[in-house]
């Protein structure tokens, strides 16, 4: 029942989006509270009592508190076995786990590029040059992922938790106006996954009403 499961989340938070996708993939009902980052609601005592880091996602499942997104999605897949989101075959499982954790490398590079712009830290030509270098490093990482995605999904031909971890960050690239023309497999992946019901229905609500900042237009 939804009252047995509660999620604190924020619009545009990729980690929270990961958990929301997983809950939908598992057909699990839940209640939730959207936190307004501008009001620092993620730092409220209500959340801090559960998560001393004051971050979203913070999930409570039948009295069990799980906060980190990777831990939360693995917990949900372990506790609620059907439908499974990780393969049973050893080789396929090894690859899915590899991609699961590898997604955090891409996430970190995207976050670096995003935060510098979001926080208004690019004010001089030197700052712009430093940002361009981070964009170049992101491109190198995306080239690796373009090869990884040659079979359609993050770890082969089937949707797994590796995709749950990856897709919110890939879709941020589209949100920032990256065309992905130089990354055909990434582009196809983004178009396919953004239409998946669990991804589409949990998409950040503010994306539908606010313009894109366009920071990556012409970059990829």
N, C-alpha and C. Protein backbone atom coordinates (compact mmCIF):
# COMPACT_ATOMS: atom_id res chain seq x y z
N UNK A 1 0.83 -1.19 0.00
CA UNK A 1 0.00 0.00 0.00
C UNK A 1 0.87 1.25 0.00
N UNK A 2 0.33 2.34 -0.58
CA UNK A 2 1.10 3.57 -0.69
C UNK A 2 1.51 4.16 0.64
N UNK A 3 0.64 3.96 1.68
CA UNK A 3 0.96 4.55 2.98
C UNK A 3 2.13 3.85 3.66
N UNK A 4 2.51 2.67 3.17
CA UNK A 4 3.65 1.93 3.75
C UNK A 4 4.98 2.38 3.17
N UNK A 5 4.91 3.28 2.18
CA UNK A 5 6.12 3.66 1.43
C UNK A 5 6.08 5.16 1.17
N UNK A 6 7.12 5.87 1.54
CA UNK A 6 7.12 7.33 1.41
C UNK A 6 8.44 7.78 0.82
N UNK A 7 8.36 8.75 -0.09
CA UNK A 7 9.56 9.25 -0.75
C UNK A 7 9.59 10.77 -0.71
N UNK A 8 10.70 11.31 -0.25
CA UNK A 8 10.98 12.74 -0.37
C UNK A 8 11.82 12.93 -1.63
N UNK A 9 11.41 13.86 -2.47
CA UNK A 9 12.09 14.04 -3.74
C UNK A 9 12.07 15.51 -4.13
N UNK A 10 12.81 15.85 -5.19
CA UNK A 10 12.82 17.21 -5.70
C UNK A 10 12.83 17.19 -7.21
N UNK A 11 12.11 18.11 -7.83
CA UNK A 11 12.05 18.17 -9.28
C UNK A 11 13.42 18.51 -9.85
N UNK A 12 13.89 17.66 -10.75
CA UNK A 12 15.20 17.89 -11.37
C UNK A 12 16.33 17.18 -10.67
N UNK A 13 16.05 16.46 -9.58
CA UNK A 13 17.08 15.69 -8.90
C UNK A 13 17.22 14.33 -9.57
N UNK A 14 18.32 14.08 -10.30
CA UNK A 14 18.49 12.77 -10.94
C UNK A 14 18.49 11.61 -9.95
N UNK A 15 19.14 11.74 -8.77
CA UNK A 15 19.08 10.62 -7.83
C UNK A 15 17.65 10.29 -7.40
N UNK A 16 16.84 11.31 -7.13
CA UNK A 16 15.45 11.05 -6.76
C UNK A 16 14.69 10.43 -7.93
N UNK A 17 14.98 10.89 -9.13
CA UNK A 17 14.33 10.35 -10.32
C UNK A 17 14.62 8.87 -10.48
N UNK A 18 15.84 8.45 -10.16
CA UNK A 18 16.20 7.04 -10.22
C UNK A 18 15.26 6.19 -9.37
N UNK A 19 14.99 6.66 -8.17
CA UNK A 19 14.14 5.89 -7.25
C UNK A 19 12.69 5.87 -7.76
N UNK A 20 12.22 6.99 -8.27
CA UNK A 20 10.86 7.06 -8.79
C UNK A 20 10.67 6.12 -9.98
N UNK A 21 11.66 6.05 -10.85
CA UNK A 21 11.60 5.12 -11.98
C UNK A 21 11.50 3.69 -11.48
N UNK A 22 12.33 3.36 -10.50
CA UNK A 22 12.34 2.00 -9.97
C UNK A 22 11.01 1.64 -9.33
N UNK A 23 10.45 2.54 -8.57
CA UNK A 23 9.15 2.29 -7.94
C UNK A 23 8.08 2.00 -9.00
N UNK A 24 8.12 2.75 -10.10
CA UNK A 24 7.16 2.50 -11.17
C UNK A 24 7.43 1.19 -11.88
N UNK A 25 8.69 0.89 -12.13
CA UNK A 25 9.02 -0.37 -12.78
C UNK A 25 8.57 -1.56 -11.94
N UNK A 26 8.60 -1.40 -10.63
CA UNK A 26 8.20 -2.45 -9.71
C UNK A 26 6.70 -2.43 -9.41
N UNK A 27 5.99 -1.45 -9.98
CA UNK A 27 4.55 -1.31 -9.74
C UNK A 27 4.24 -1.15 -8.26
N UNK A 28 5.08 -0.38 -7.57
CA UNK A 28 4.91 -0.16 -6.14
C UNK A 28 4.24 1.19 -5.89
N UNK A 29 3.15 1.17 -5.14
CA UNK A 29 2.48 2.40 -4.77
C UNK A 29 3.27 3.10 -3.67
N UNK A 30 3.21 4.42 -3.68
CA UNK A 30 3.90 5.18 -2.63
C UNK A 30 3.29 6.57 -2.53
N UNK A 31 3.47 7.17 -1.38
CA UNK A 31 3.13 8.57 -1.21
C UNK A 31 4.43 9.35 -1.20
N UNK A 32 4.34 10.63 -1.45
CA UNK A 32 5.59 11.39 -1.57
C UNK A 32 5.40 12.85 -1.19
N UNK A 33 6.52 13.51 -1.01
CA UNK A 33 6.53 14.95 -0.77
C UNK A 33 7.61 15.56 -1.65
N UNK A 34 7.20 16.49 -2.50
CA UNK A 34 8.16 17.20 -3.34
C UNK A 34 8.78 18.34 -2.54
N UNK A 35 10.09 18.36 -2.47
CA UNK A 35 10.81 19.39 -1.72
C UNK A 35 11.22 20.53 -2.65
N UNK A 36 11.02 21.74 -2.21
CA UNK A 36 11.42 22.93 -2.96
C UNK A 36 12.85 23.28 -2.58
N UNK A 37 13.78 23.06 -3.51
CA UNK A 37 15.19 23.32 -3.21
C UNK A 37 15.44 24.80 -2.91
N UNK A 38 14.71 25.69 -3.58
CA UNK A 38 14.92 27.13 -3.36
C UNK A 38 14.57 27.54 -1.94
N UNK A 39 13.71 26.77 -1.30
CA UNK A 39 13.32 27.03 0.09
C UNK A 39 14.08 26.14 1.07
N UNK A 40 15.04 25.37 0.53
CA UNK A 40 15.85 24.45 1.34
C UNK A 40 15.00 23.46 2.15
N UNK A 41 13.89 23.02 1.54
CA UNK A 41 13.02 22.08 2.24
C UNK A 41 13.68 20.73 2.44
N UNK A 42 14.71 20.43 1.62
CA UNK A 42 15.43 19.17 1.81
C UNK A 42 16.29 19.19 3.06
N UNK A 43 16.44 20.38 3.66
CA UNK A 43 17.20 20.52 4.90
C UNK A 43 16.27 20.65 6.11
N UNK A 44 15.00 20.37 5.93
CA UNK A 44 14.04 20.49 7.03
C UNK A 44 14.30 19.43 8.09
N UNK A 45 13.84 19.69 9.30
CA UNK A 45 14.01 18.72 10.38
C UNK A 45 13.30 17.42 10.06
N UNK A 46 12.20 17.52 9.32
CA UNK A 46 11.44 16.35 8.91
C UNK A 46 12.33 15.36 8.15
N UNK A 47 13.18 15.88 7.29
CA UNK A 47 14.09 15.02 6.54
C UNK A 47 15.35 14.72 7.34
N UNK A 48 15.89 15.73 8.01
CA UNK A 48 17.14 15.53 8.75
C UNK A 48 17.02 14.44 9.82
N UNK A 49 15.83 14.28 10.37
CA UNK A 49 15.63 13.22 11.36
C UNK A 49 15.78 11.84 10.74
N UNK A 50 15.54 11.75 9.45
CA UNK A 50 15.68 10.48 8.72
C UNK A 50 17.02 10.37 8.02
N UNK A 51 17.49 11.49 7.51
CA UNK A 51 18.70 11.53 6.69
C UNK A 51 19.56 12.71 7.14
N UNK A 52 20.56 12.48 7.98
CA UNK A 52 21.38 13.56 8.51
C UNK A 52 22.08 14.40 7.43
N UNK A 53 22.21 13.87 6.22
CA UNK A 53 22.82 14.63 5.14
C UNK A 53 21.86 15.67 4.56
N UNK A 54 20.58 15.53 4.84
CA UNK A 54 19.61 16.49 4.32
C UNK A 54 19.55 16.49 2.82
N UNK A 55 19.35 15.32 2.25
CA UNK A 55 19.34 15.17 0.79
C UNK A 55 18.12 14.39 0.35
N UNK A 56 17.80 14.56 -0.93
CA UNK A 56 16.83 13.67 -1.56
C UNK A 56 17.56 12.87 -2.63
N UNK A 57 17.12 11.61 -2.83
CA UNK A 57 15.95 11.00 -2.24
C UNK A 57 16.17 10.53 -0.81
N UNK A 58 15.12 10.60 -0.03
CA UNK A 58 15.04 9.93 1.25
C UNK A 58 13.78 9.08 1.20
N UNK A 59 13.96 7.79 1.30
CA UNK A 59 12.84 6.86 1.16
C UNK A 59 12.63 6.07 2.45
N UNK A 60 11.36 5.89 2.80
CA UNK A 60 11.00 5.05 3.93
C UNK A 60 10.08 3.95 3.41
N UNK A 61 10.50 2.71 3.54
CA UNK A 61 9.72 1.58 3.07
C UNK A 61 9.41 0.66 4.24
N UNK A 62 8.15 0.68 4.69
CA UNK A 62 7.72 -0.14 5.81
C UNK A 62 8.67 0.01 7.00
N UNK A 63 9.02 1.24 7.30
CA UNK A 63 9.86 1.56 8.44
C UNK A 63 11.35 1.52 8.17
N UNK A 64 11.75 1.06 6.99
CA UNK A 64 13.17 1.00 6.63
C UNK A 64 13.54 2.26 5.87
N UNK A 65 14.53 2.99 6.36
CA UNK A 65 14.97 4.22 5.72
C UNK A 65 16.16 3.93 4.82
N UNK A 66 16.05 4.30 3.56
CA UNK A 66 17.15 4.15 2.61
C UNK A 66 17.28 5.48 1.86
N UNK A 67 18.47 6.04 1.85
CA UNK A 67 18.64 7.41 1.33
C UNK A 67 19.40 7.49 0.01
N UNK A 68 20.54 6.89 -0.09
CA UNK A 68 21.34 7.01 -1.31
C UNK A 68 20.61 6.33 -2.47
N UNK A 69 20.61 6.96 -3.64
CA UNK A 69 19.80 6.44 -4.75
C UNK A 69 20.22 5.04 -5.18
N UNK A 70 21.53 4.79 -5.27
CA UNK A 70 21.99 3.47 -5.66
C UNK A 70 21.55 2.41 -4.67
N UNK A 71 21.66 2.74 -3.39
CA UNK A 71 21.23 1.80 -2.36
C UNK A 71 19.72 1.59 -2.42
N UNK A 72 18.98 2.66 -2.66
CA UNK A 72 17.52 2.57 -2.68
C UNK A 72 17.02 1.70 -3.82
N UNK A 73 17.59 1.86 -5.02
CA UNK A 73 17.10 1.06 -6.15
C UNK A 73 17.51 -0.40 -5.99
N UNK A 74 18.68 -0.66 -5.44
CA UNK A 74 19.09 -2.04 -5.20
C UNK A 74 18.23 -2.67 -4.11
N UNK A 75 17.91 -1.90 -3.10
CA UNK A 75 17.03 -2.38 -2.03
C UNK A 75 15.68 -2.79 -2.60
N UNK A 76 15.10 -1.92 -3.42
CA UNK A 76 13.78 -2.20 -3.99
C UNK A 76 13.81 -3.46 -4.86
N UNK A 77 14.89 -3.63 -5.61
CA UNK A 77 14.99 -4.81 -6.48
C UNK A 77 15.19 -6.08 -5.67
N UNK A 78 15.86 -5.96 -4.54
CA UNK A 78 16.11 -7.14 -3.69
C UNK A 78 14.87 -7.54 -2.90
N UNK A 79 14.15 -6.55 -2.40
CA UNK A 79 13.00 -6.82 -1.53
C UNK A 79 11.76 -7.17 -2.34
N UNK A 80 11.61 -6.51 -3.48
CA UNK A 80 10.44 -6.74 -4.33
C UNK A 80 10.93 -7.38 -5.63
N UNK A 81 10.94 -8.70 -5.64
CA UNK A 81 11.66 -9.45 -6.67
C UNK A 81 11.04 -9.37 -8.06
N UNK A 82 9.76 -9.08 -8.14
CA UNK A 82 9.08 -9.10 -9.45
C UNK A 82 8.50 -7.74 -9.81
N UNK A 83 8.75 -7.29 -11.03
CA UNK A 83 9.64 -7.90 -12.03
C UNK A 83 11.10 -7.63 -11.67
N UNK A 84 11.99 -8.58 -11.93
CA UNK A 84 13.41 -8.37 -11.62
C UNK A 84 14.03 -7.33 -12.54
N UNK A 85 14.93 -6.54 -11.99
CA UNK A 85 15.60 -5.52 -12.79
C UNK A 85 17.10 -5.77 -12.91
N UNK A 86 17.52 -6.95 -12.50
CA UNK A 86 18.91 -7.36 -12.72
C UNK A 86 18.91 -8.80 -13.24
N UNK A 87 19.82 -9.11 -14.17
CA UNK A 87 19.84 -10.46 -14.76
C UNK A 87 20.35 -11.50 -13.77
N UNK A 88 20.00 -12.76 -14.02
CA UNK A 88 20.45 -13.87 -13.18
C UNK A 88 21.76 -14.47 -13.71
N UNK A 89 21.93 -14.46 -15.02
CA UNK A 89 23.14 -14.99 -15.62
C UNK A 89 24.36 -14.26 -15.09
N UNK A 90 25.39 -14.99 -14.72
CA UNK A 90 26.56 -14.41 -14.07
C UNK A 90 27.25 -13.35 -14.94
N UNK A 91 27.43 -13.68 -16.20
CA UNK A 91 28.12 -12.76 -17.10
C UNK A 91 27.30 -11.49 -17.29
N UNK A 92 26.01 -11.66 -17.52
CA UNK A 92 25.13 -10.50 -17.71
C UNK A 92 25.04 -9.68 -16.44
N UNK A 93 25.02 -10.35 -15.28
CA UNK A 93 24.96 -9.65 -14.01
C UNK A 93 26.23 -8.84 -13.78
N UNK A 94 27.36 -9.43 -14.11
CA UNK A 94 28.63 -8.71 -13.95
C UNK A 94 28.66 -7.44 -14.77
N UNK A 95 28.18 -7.51 -16.01
CA UNK A 95 28.16 -6.33 -16.88
C UNK A 95 27.17 -5.29 -16.35
N UNK A 96 26.00 -5.75 -15.90
CA UNK A 96 25.01 -4.81 -15.39
C UNK A 96 25.52 -4.08 -14.15
N UNK A 97 26.20 -4.79 -13.27
CA UNK A 97 26.78 -4.16 -12.08
C UNK A 97 27.88 -3.18 -12.46
N UNK A 98 28.69 -3.56 -13.45
CA UNK A 98 29.73 -2.65 -13.93
C UNK A 98 29.13 -1.35 -14.43
N UNK A 99 28.13 -1.47 -15.29
CA UNK A 99 27.49 -0.28 -15.85
C UNK A 99 26.75 0.51 -14.77
N UNK A 100 26.16 -0.19 -13.81
CA UNK A 100 25.47 0.46 -12.68
C UNK A 100 26.40 1.45 -12.00
N UNK A 101 27.58 0.99 -11.66
CA UNK A 101 28.53 1.86 -10.95
C UNK A 101 29.23 2.84 -11.89
N UNK A 102 29.45 2.42 -13.11
CA UNK A 102 30.11 3.28 -14.10
C UNK A 102 29.25 4.51 -14.41
N UNK A 103 27.94 4.37 -14.27
CA UNK A 103 27.05 5.50 -14.54
C UNK A 103 27.36 6.69 -13.63
N UNK A 104 27.90 6.41 -12.46
CA UNK A 104 28.21 7.50 -11.54
C UNK A 104 29.40 8.34 -12.01
N UNK A 105 30.25 7.76 -12.85
CA UNK A 105 31.34 8.54 -13.44
C UNK A 105 30.77 9.59 -14.38
N UNK A 106 29.85 9.17 -15.23
CA UNK A 106 29.18 10.11 -16.12
C UNK A 106 28.38 11.13 -15.34
N UNK A 107 27.69 10.68 -14.31
CA UNK A 107 26.89 11.59 -13.49
C UNK A 107 27.76 12.70 -12.89
N UNK A 108 28.94 12.33 -12.42
CA UNK A 108 29.83 13.32 -11.81
C UNK A 108 30.30 14.35 -12.83
N UNK A 109 30.61 13.90 -14.04
CA UNK A 109 31.08 14.83 -15.07
C UNK A 109 29.96 15.78 -15.52
N UNK A 110 28.75 15.26 -15.64
CA UNK A 110 27.62 16.11 -16.00
C UNK A 110 27.33 17.10 -14.88
N UNK A 111 27.39 16.64 -13.65
CA UNK A 111 27.13 17.51 -12.51
C UNK A 111 28.13 18.65 -12.42
N UNK A 112 29.39 18.38 -12.72
CA UNK A 112 30.41 19.43 -12.71
C UNK A 112 30.09 20.52 -13.72
N UNK A 113 29.75 20.09 -14.94
CA UNK A 113 29.41 21.03 -16.00
C UNK A 113 28.17 21.84 -15.63
N UNK A 114 27.17 21.16 -15.10
CA UNK A 114 25.90 21.79 -14.75
C UNK A 114 26.07 22.81 -13.61
N UNK A 115 26.75 22.40 -12.56
CA UNK A 115 26.84 23.25 -11.37
C UNK A 115 27.60 24.54 -11.63
N UNK A 116 28.66 24.47 -12.43
CA UNK A 116 29.43 25.68 -12.72
C UNK A 116 28.55 26.75 -13.36
N UNK A 117 27.69 26.32 -14.27
CA UNK A 117 26.77 27.26 -14.90
C UNK A 117 25.66 27.69 -13.94
N UNK A 118 25.08 26.72 -13.26
CA UNK A 118 23.95 26.99 -12.38
C UNK A 118 24.32 27.95 -11.26
N UNK A 119 25.53 27.79 -10.73
CA UNK A 119 25.97 28.63 -9.61
C UNK A 119 26.58 29.95 -10.07
N UNK A 120 26.59 30.18 -11.38
CA UNK A 120 27.10 31.44 -11.90
C UNK A 120 28.58 31.65 -11.68
N UNK A 121 29.35 30.57 -11.74
CA UNK A 121 30.78 30.65 -11.45
C UNK A 121 31.64 30.90 -12.69
N UNK A 122 31.01 31.10 -13.82
CA UNK A 122 31.77 31.37 -15.05
C UNK A 122 31.63 32.85 -15.39
N UNK A 123 32.65 33.62 -15.03
CA UNK A 123 32.57 35.08 -15.16
C UNK A 123 33.68 35.67 -16.02
N UNK A 124 34.74 34.93 -16.24
CA UNK A 124 35.89 35.45 -16.99
C UNK A 124 36.22 34.50 -18.14
N UNK A 125 37.09 34.94 -19.02
CA UNK A 125 37.54 34.07 -20.11
C UNK A 125 38.25 32.84 -19.56
N UNK A 126 38.98 33.03 -18.47
CA UNK A 126 39.67 31.90 -17.84
C UNK A 126 38.65 30.89 -17.31
N UNK A 127 37.57 31.38 -16.71
CA UNK A 127 36.51 30.50 -16.23
C UNK A 127 35.88 29.75 -17.40
N UNK A 128 35.65 30.45 -18.49
CA UNK A 128 35.03 29.84 -19.66
C UNK A 128 35.93 28.75 -20.24
N UNK A 129 37.23 29.01 -20.23
CA UNK A 129 38.19 28.01 -20.73
C UNK A 129 38.17 26.77 -19.84
N UNK A 130 38.10 26.98 -18.53
CA UNK A 130 38.05 25.85 -17.59
C UNK A 130 36.77 25.04 -17.80
N UNK A 131 35.67 25.75 -18.05
CA UNK A 131 34.39 25.07 -18.30
C UNK A 131 34.45 24.26 -19.59
N UNK A 132 35.06 24.83 -20.62
CA UNK A 132 35.21 24.13 -21.90
C UNK A 132 35.99 22.83 -21.73
N UNK A 133 36.99 22.85 -20.84
CA UNK A 133 37.78 21.64 -20.59
C UNK A 133 36.92 20.57 -19.92
N UNK A 134 36.02 20.99 -19.04
CA UNK A 134 35.12 20.04 -18.40
C UNK A 134 34.12 19.47 -19.41
N UNK A 135 33.68 20.32 -20.33
CA UNK A 135 32.78 19.85 -21.40
C UNK A 135 33.51 18.84 -22.28
N UNK A 136 34.78 19.10 -22.56
CA UNK A 136 35.58 18.17 -23.38
C UNK A 136 35.74 16.83 -22.66
N UNK A 137 35.96 16.88 -21.34
CA UNK A 137 36.08 15.64 -20.56
C UNK A 137 34.76 14.88 -20.56
N UNK A 138 33.66 15.62 -20.49
CA UNK A 138 32.34 15.00 -20.57
C UNK A 138 32.15 14.32 -21.93
N UNK A 139 32.60 14.97 -22.98
CA UNK A 139 32.48 14.38 -24.32
C UNK A 139 33.25 13.07 -24.41
N UNK A 140 34.44 13.03 -23.84
CA UNK A 140 35.23 11.79 -23.86
C UNK A 140 34.49 10.67 -23.15
N UNK A 141 33.86 11.01 -22.03
CA UNK A 141 33.09 10.01 -21.29
C UNK A 141 31.88 9.54 -22.10
N UNK A 142 31.23 10.46 -22.78
CA UNK A 142 30.06 10.12 -23.59
C UNK A 142 30.43 9.23 -24.77
N UNK A 143 31.64 9.41 -25.29
CA UNK A 143 32.08 8.53 -26.38
C UNK A 143 32.19 7.08 -25.89
N UNK A 144 32.61 6.91 -24.66
CA UNK A 144 32.65 5.56 -24.08
C UNK A 144 31.24 4.99 -23.99
N UNK A 145 30.31 5.83 -23.55
CA UNK A 145 28.94 5.37 -23.41
C UNK A 145 28.29 5.11 -24.77
N UNK A 146 28.70 5.84 -25.78
CA UNK A 146 28.15 5.59 -27.11
C UNK A 146 28.50 4.16 -27.55
N UNK A 147 29.69 3.72 -27.18
CA UNK A 147 30.07 2.33 -27.47
C UNK A 147 29.30 1.36 -26.58
N UNK A 148 29.17 1.71 -25.29
CA UNK A 148 28.45 0.84 -24.35
C UNK A 148 27.00 0.59 -24.81
N UNK A 149 26.40 1.60 -25.42
CA UNK A 149 24.97 1.53 -25.75
C UNK A 149 24.69 0.95 -27.13
N UNK A 150 25.67 0.31 -27.71
CA UNK A 150 25.52 -0.20 -29.07
C UNK A 150 24.44 -1.27 -29.20
N UNK A 151 24.15 -1.97 -28.10
CA UNK A 151 23.12 -3.01 -28.14
C UNK A 151 21.75 -2.50 -27.70
N UNK A 152 21.67 -1.23 -27.37
CA UNK A 152 20.36 -0.65 -27.05
C UNK A 152 20.19 -0.18 -25.63
N UNK A 153 20.73 -0.93 -24.67
CA UNK A 153 20.60 -0.55 -23.26
C UNK A 153 21.98 -0.47 -22.61
N UNK A 154 22.00 -0.05 -21.37
CA UNK A 154 23.28 0.21 -20.70
C UNK A 154 24.13 -1.04 -20.55
N UNK A 155 23.46 -2.20 -20.42
CA UNK A 155 24.21 -3.43 -20.21
C UNK A 155 23.75 -4.53 -21.15
N UNK A 156 23.48 -4.17 -22.38
CA UNK A 156 23.08 -5.17 -23.36
C UNK A 156 21.74 -4.88 -23.99
N UNK A 157 20.93 -5.92 -24.14
CA UNK A 157 19.68 -5.80 -24.88
C UNK A 157 18.45 -5.69 -23.98
N UNK A 158 18.65 -5.71 -22.65
CA UNK A 158 17.53 -5.67 -21.72
C UNK A 158 17.67 -4.49 -20.76
N UNK A 159 16.53 -3.94 -20.36
CA UNK A 159 16.48 -2.86 -19.38
C UNK A 159 16.83 -3.41 -18.01
N UNK A 160 17.78 -2.75 -17.31
CA UNK A 160 18.20 -3.18 -15.98
C UNK A 160 18.35 -1.96 -15.07
N UNK A 161 18.76 -2.23 -13.85
CA UNK A 161 19.02 -1.12 -12.92
C UNK A 161 20.13 -0.21 -13.43
N UNK A 162 20.99 -0.73 -14.29
CA UNK A 162 22.02 0.13 -14.88
C UNK A 162 21.37 1.26 -15.67
N UNK A 163 20.27 0.98 -16.33
CA UNK A 163 19.54 2.02 -17.07
C UNK A 163 18.85 2.99 -16.12
N UNK A 164 18.34 2.47 -15.02
CA UNK A 164 17.73 3.33 -14.01
C UNK A 164 18.74 4.37 -13.52
N UNK A 165 19.96 3.91 -13.32
CA UNK A 165 21.01 4.81 -12.83
C UNK A 165 21.46 5.80 -13.89
N UNK A 166 21.42 5.38 -15.15
CA UNK A 166 21.99 6.18 -16.23
C UNK A 166 21.03 7.19 -16.84
N UNK A 167 19.80 6.79 -17.11
CA UNK A 167 18.93 7.59 -17.97
C UNK A 167 18.63 9.00 -17.46
N UNK A 168 18.47 9.25 -16.15
CA UNK A 168 18.21 10.64 -15.75
C UNK A 168 19.31 11.59 -16.19
N UNK A 169 20.54 11.13 -16.14
CA UNK A 169 21.66 12.00 -16.52
C UNK A 169 21.75 12.18 -18.03
N UNK A 170 21.43 11.14 -18.79
CA UNK A 170 21.41 11.28 -20.24
C UNK A 170 20.34 12.29 -20.66
N UNK A 171 19.19 12.23 -20.00
CA UNK A 171 18.11 13.15 -20.36
C UNK A 171 18.39 14.58 -19.95
N UNK A 172 19.25 14.77 -18.96
CA UNK A 172 19.68 16.13 -18.63
C UNK A 172 20.42 16.75 -19.81
N UNK A 173 21.16 15.94 -20.56
CA UNK A 173 21.86 16.46 -21.74
C UNK A 173 20.86 17.03 -22.74
N UNK A 174 19.75 16.33 -22.96
CA UNK A 174 18.72 16.86 -23.86
C UNK A 174 18.10 18.13 -23.28
N UNK A 175 17.88 18.12 -22.00
CA UNK A 175 17.32 19.30 -21.32
C UNK A 175 18.21 20.53 -21.52
N UNK A 176 19.51 20.31 -21.59
CA UNK A 176 20.45 21.41 -21.76
C UNK A 176 20.75 21.69 -23.23
N UNK A 177 19.92 21.13 -24.12
CA UNK A 177 19.96 21.39 -25.56
C UNK A 177 21.10 20.72 -26.31
N UNK A 178 21.69 19.67 -25.73
CA UNK A 178 22.65 18.87 -26.50
C UNK A 178 21.86 18.09 -27.56
N UNK A 179 22.30 18.13 -28.81
CA UNK A 179 21.59 17.41 -29.86
C UNK A 179 22.01 15.94 -29.93
N UNK A 180 23.22 15.64 -29.43
CA UNK A 180 23.79 14.29 -29.44
C UNK A 180 24.02 13.75 -30.85
N UNK A 181 24.14 14.64 -31.81
CA UNK A 181 24.34 14.22 -33.20
C UNK A 181 25.64 13.46 -33.39
N UNK A 182 26.63 13.75 -32.58
CA UNK A 182 27.92 13.06 -32.70
C UNK A 182 27.95 11.76 -31.90
N UNK A 183 26.83 11.45 -31.23
CA UNK A 183 26.75 10.28 -30.36
C UNK A 183 25.47 9.51 -30.70
N UNK A 184 25.46 8.83 -31.86
CA UNK A 184 24.22 8.24 -32.35
C UNK A 184 23.59 7.21 -31.42
N UNK A 185 24.40 6.41 -30.75
CA UNK A 185 23.83 5.41 -29.85
C UNK A 185 23.25 6.05 -28.59
N UNK A 186 23.93 7.08 -28.10
CA UNK A 186 23.41 7.82 -26.94
C UNK A 186 22.10 8.51 -27.32
N UNK A 187 22.07 9.09 -28.51
CA UNK A 187 20.86 9.78 -28.96
C UNK A 187 19.68 8.82 -29.07
N UNK A 188 19.90 7.67 -29.70
CA UNK A 188 18.84 6.69 -29.84
C UNK A 188 18.37 6.19 -28.48
N UNK A 189 19.31 5.97 -27.59
CA UNK A 189 18.99 5.53 -26.22
C UNK A 189 18.11 6.56 -25.52
N UNK A 190 18.50 7.82 -25.63
CA UNK A 190 17.74 8.88 -24.97
C UNK A 190 16.32 8.94 -25.51
N UNK A 191 16.17 8.85 -26.81
CA UNK A 191 14.84 8.93 -27.42
C UNK A 191 13.99 7.73 -27.02
N UNK A 192 14.61 6.56 -26.96
CA UNK A 192 13.87 5.35 -26.57
C UNK A 192 13.44 5.39 -25.11
N UNK A 193 14.37 5.72 -24.24
CA UNK A 193 14.09 5.66 -22.81
C UNK A 193 13.19 6.80 -22.33
N UNK A 194 13.25 7.96 -22.97
CA UNK A 194 12.40 9.05 -22.49
C UNK A 194 10.93 8.76 -22.74
N UNK A 195 10.65 7.82 -23.66
CA UNK A 195 9.27 7.42 -23.93
C UNK A 195 8.82 6.25 -23.06
N UNK A 196 9.72 5.64 -22.34
CA UNK A 196 9.36 4.52 -21.46
C UNK A 196 8.44 5.05 -20.36
N UNK A 197 7.30 4.41 -20.09
CA UNK A 197 6.33 4.96 -19.14
C UNK A 197 6.91 5.33 -17.78
N UNK A 198 7.79 4.49 -17.23
CA UNK A 198 8.34 4.79 -15.90
C UNK A 198 9.22 6.03 -15.91
N UNK A 199 9.83 6.32 -17.05
CA UNK A 199 10.67 7.51 -17.18
C UNK A 199 9.82 8.73 -17.50
N UNK A 200 8.93 8.58 -18.45
CA UNK A 200 8.10 9.70 -18.90
C UNK A 200 7.21 10.23 -17.78
N UNK A 201 6.58 9.32 -17.03
CA UNK A 201 5.63 9.74 -16.00
C UNK A 201 6.29 10.34 -14.77
N UNK A 202 7.58 10.10 -14.60
CA UNK A 202 8.30 10.65 -13.45
C UNK A 202 9.24 11.78 -13.84
N UNK A 203 9.16 12.22 -15.08
CA UNK A 203 10.02 13.31 -15.56
C UNK A 203 9.85 14.55 -14.69
N UNK A 204 10.91 15.30 -14.43
CA UNK A 204 10.81 16.50 -13.58
C UNK A 204 9.69 17.42 -14.03
N UNK A 205 8.72 17.70 -13.18
CA UNK A 205 7.56 18.50 -13.60
C UNK A 205 7.92 19.91 -14.07
N UNK A 206 8.97 20.49 -13.52
CA UNK A 206 9.30 21.86 -13.91
C UNK A 206 9.88 21.94 -15.32
N UNK A 207 10.33 20.81 -15.87
CA UNK A 207 10.86 20.82 -17.22
C UNK A 207 9.77 21.17 -18.24
N UNK A 208 8.52 20.83 -17.91
CA UNK A 208 7.42 21.09 -18.84
C UNK A 208 6.99 22.55 -18.85
N UNK A 209 7.39 23.30 -17.84
CA UNK A 209 6.90 24.68 -17.72
C UNK A 209 7.99 25.74 -17.75
N UNK A 210 9.25 25.32 -17.69
CA UNK A 210 10.33 26.30 -17.69
C UNK A 210 11.25 26.07 -18.88
N UNK A 211 11.82 27.13 -19.43
CA UNK A 211 12.68 26.98 -20.61
C UNK A 211 14.01 26.32 -20.27
N UNK A 212 14.59 25.68 -21.28
CA UNK A 212 15.91 25.09 -21.10
C UNK A 212 16.94 26.20 -21.03
N UNK A 213 17.95 26.05 -20.15
CA UNK A 213 19.02 27.05 -20.13
C UNK A 213 19.93 26.99 -21.36
N UNK A 214 19.89 25.88 -22.10
CA UNK A 214 20.63 25.78 -23.36
C UNK A 214 22.13 25.76 -23.25
N UNK A 215 22.66 25.35 -22.11
CA UNK A 215 24.10 25.44 -21.88
C UNK A 215 24.93 24.54 -22.78
N UNK A 216 24.37 23.46 -23.28
CA UNK A 216 25.14 22.52 -24.10
C UNK A 216 24.77 22.59 -25.57
N UNK A 217 24.09 23.63 -25.97
CA UNK A 217 23.70 23.76 -27.37
C UNK A 217 24.96 23.85 -28.23
N UNK A 218 25.04 22.98 -29.23
CA UNK A 218 26.19 22.98 -30.12
C UNK A 218 27.43 22.30 -29.59
N UNK A 219 27.33 21.70 -28.41
CA UNK A 219 28.51 21.08 -27.80
C UNK A 219 28.70 19.63 -28.24
N UNK A 220 27.62 18.89 -28.42
CA UNK A 220 27.73 17.48 -28.79
C UNK A 220 26.85 17.22 -30.01
